[in-house]
């Protein structure tokens, strides 16, 4: 994937990606996240480089055999590079945003009582 492809993906985020980005951007969780960031040959939806945490927001194509196989290879490669990978379905991000953010919060090593308030 090229920088131009990453730039295109940043401009054409899904509703779910846009919603989650509104909760991750500007160090909202106390850590800097990047969106549509290149790691090796892959472009990940969101990444906190400081914590080596990747967050993926998946649509239905990821539930097809080819998508599942690709995601498994990709996750294994990212794990081998030291990244933890969290995957969420688009619908879950849209319907359970607070729970998704809390899961990310915990993956960053934070405690529930420190979770910042939602700002939608």
Protein backbone atom coordinates (compact mmCIF):
# COMPACT_ATOMS: atom_id res chain seq x y z
CA UNK A 1 0.00 0.00 0.00
CA UNK A 2 1.22 3.46 -0.84
CA UNK A 3 0.95 6.79 0.93
CA UNK A 4 -1.58 7.86 -1.71
CA UNK A 5 -3.75 4.85 -0.86
CA UNK A 6 -3.53 5.66 2.84
CA UNK A 7 -4.49 9.28 2.12
CA UNK A 8 -7.48 8.08 0.08
CA UNK A 9 -8.59 5.80 2.93
CA UNK A 10 -8.37 8.69 5.41
CA UNK A 11 -10.66 10.75 3.18
CA UNK A 12 -13.18 7.94 2.67
CA UNK A 13 -13.67 6.53 6.16
CA UNK A 14 -16.81 4.55 6.94
CA UNK A 15 -19.37 5.94 9.38
CA UNK A 16 -18.09 3.52 12.02
CA UNK A 17 -14.47 4.57 11.46
CA UNK A 18 -15.47 8.24 11.60
CA UNK A 19 -17.36 7.70 14.86
CA UNK A 20 -14.48 5.84 16.51
CA UNK A 21 -11.95 8.38 15.24
CA UNK A 22 -13.97 11.14 16.94
CA UNK A 23 -13.30 9.32 20.23
CA UNK A 24 -9.60 8.55 19.60
CA UNK A 25 -8.33 11.74 18.00
CA UNK A 26 -6.53 14.59 19.75
CA UNK A 27 -5.14 12.33 22.49
CA UNK A 28 -8.68 11.91 23.86
CA UNK A 29 -7.64 8.70 25.65
CA UNK A 30 -4.31 10.10 26.78
CA UNK A 31 -2.41 8.53 23.88
CA UNK A 32 -1.81 9.62 20.31
CA UNK A 33 -3.59 7.56 17.65
CA UNK A 34 -2.98 7.69 13.92
CA UNK A 35 -5.59 6.69 11.37
CA UNK A 36 -5.04 4.74 8.17
CA UNK A 37 -1.38 4.35 9.06
CA UNK A 38 1.06 2.18 7.14
CA UNK A 39 2.89 -0.56 9.03
CA UNK A 40 5.03 -2.67 6.74
CA UNK A 41 2.93 -3.61 3.71
CA UNK A 42 -0.34 -3.04 5.57
CA UNK A 43 -2.45 0.01 6.31
CA UNK A 44 -4.21 -0.26 9.66
CA UNK A 45 -7.36 1.65 10.56
CA UNK A 46 -5.99 3.10 13.82
CA UNK A 47 -2.76 2.67 15.72
CA UNK A 48 -1.24 3.93 18.95
CA UNK A 49 2.47 3.59 18.19
CA UNK A 50 3.45 4.29 21.81
CA UNK A 51 1.51 1.23 23.03
CA UNK A 52 1.83 -0.76 19.78
CA UNK A 53 -1.95 -1.16 19.69
CA UNK A 54 -3.80 -1.54 16.38
CA UNK A 55 -7.56 -1.08 16.20
CA UNK A 56 -9.41 -2.42 13.16
CA UNK A 57 -13.04 -1.66 12.27
CA UNK A 58 -14.37 -4.38 9.98
CA UNK A 59 -17.30 -4.63 7.62
CA UNK A 60 -19.00 -7.73 6.25
CA UNK A 61 -16.29 -8.49 3.67
CA UNK A 62 -14.06 -9.47 6.57
CA UNK A 63 -16.44 -12.33 7.40
CA UNK A 64 -15.94 -14.02 4.00
CA UNK A 65 -13.35 -16.84 3.69
CA UNK A 66 -10.88 -14.70 1.72
CA UNK A 67 -11.27 -11.80 4.14
CA UNK A 68 -10.84 -14.05 7.18
CA UNK A 69 -7.68 -15.61 5.71
CA UNK A 70 -6.21 -12.19 4.87
CA UNK A 71 -7.04 -10.82 8.32
CA UNK A 72 -5.42 -13.84 9.99
CA UNK A 73 -2.19 -13.38 7.99
CA UNK A 74 -2.23 -9.66 8.68
CA UNK A 75 -2.87 -10.06 12.41
CA UNK A 76 -0.16 -12.71 12.71
CA UNK A 77 2.32 -10.44 10.95
CA UNK A 78 1.40 -7.47 13.17
CA UNK A 79 1.65 -9.66 16.30
CA UNK A 80 5.12 -10.81 15.18
CA UNK A 81 6.08 -7.13 14.89
CA UNK A 82 4.98 -6.61 18.50
CA UNK A 83 1.54 -5.08 17.89
CA UNK A 84 -1.62 -6.12 19.70
CA UNK A 85 -4.65 -6.06 17.38
CA UNK A 86 -8.23 -5.33 18.41
CA UNK A 87 -10.98 -5.98 15.84
CA UNK A 88 -14.50 -4.64 16.02
CA UNK A 89 -17.45 -4.93 13.64
CA UNK A 90 -18.83 -1.72 12.10
CA UNK A 91 -22.25 -2.32 13.71
CA UNK A 92 -20.71 -2.74 17.16
CA UNK A 93 -18.77 0.51 16.81
CA UNK A 94 -21.95 2.33 15.78
CA UNK A 95 -24.23 0.76 18.40
CA UNK A 96 -21.85 0.20 21.32
CA UNK A 97 -19.33 3.00 20.97
CA UNK A 98 -18.81 3.49 24.70
CA UNK A 99 -18.12 -0.22 25.24
CA UNK A 100 -15.66 -0.28 22.32
CA UNK A 101 -13.83 2.77 23.68
CA UNK A 102 -13.68 1.16 27.11
CA UNK A 103 -12.16 -2.00 25.60
CA UNK A 104 -9.52 0.13 23.85
CA UNK A 105 -8.95 2.01 27.10
CA UNK A 106 -8.23 -1.22 28.95
CA UNK A 107 -5.93 -2.41 26.15
CA UNK A 108 -3.95 0.80 26.62
CA UNK A 109 -3.43 -0.27 30.23
CA UNK A 110 -5.85 2.18 31.82
CA UNK A 111 -8.35 1.56 34.62
CA UNK A 112 -12.08 2.10 34.21
CA UNK A 113 -12.30 4.95 36.75
CA UNK A 114 -9.87 7.01 34.63
CA UNK A 115 -11.99 6.75 31.45
CA UNK A 116 -12.64 10.24 30.07
CA UNK A 117 -16.25 11.24 29.39
CA UNK A 118 -17.75 10.74 25.93
CA UNK A 119 -17.58 13.80 23.69
CA UNK A 120 -19.72 13.11 20.61
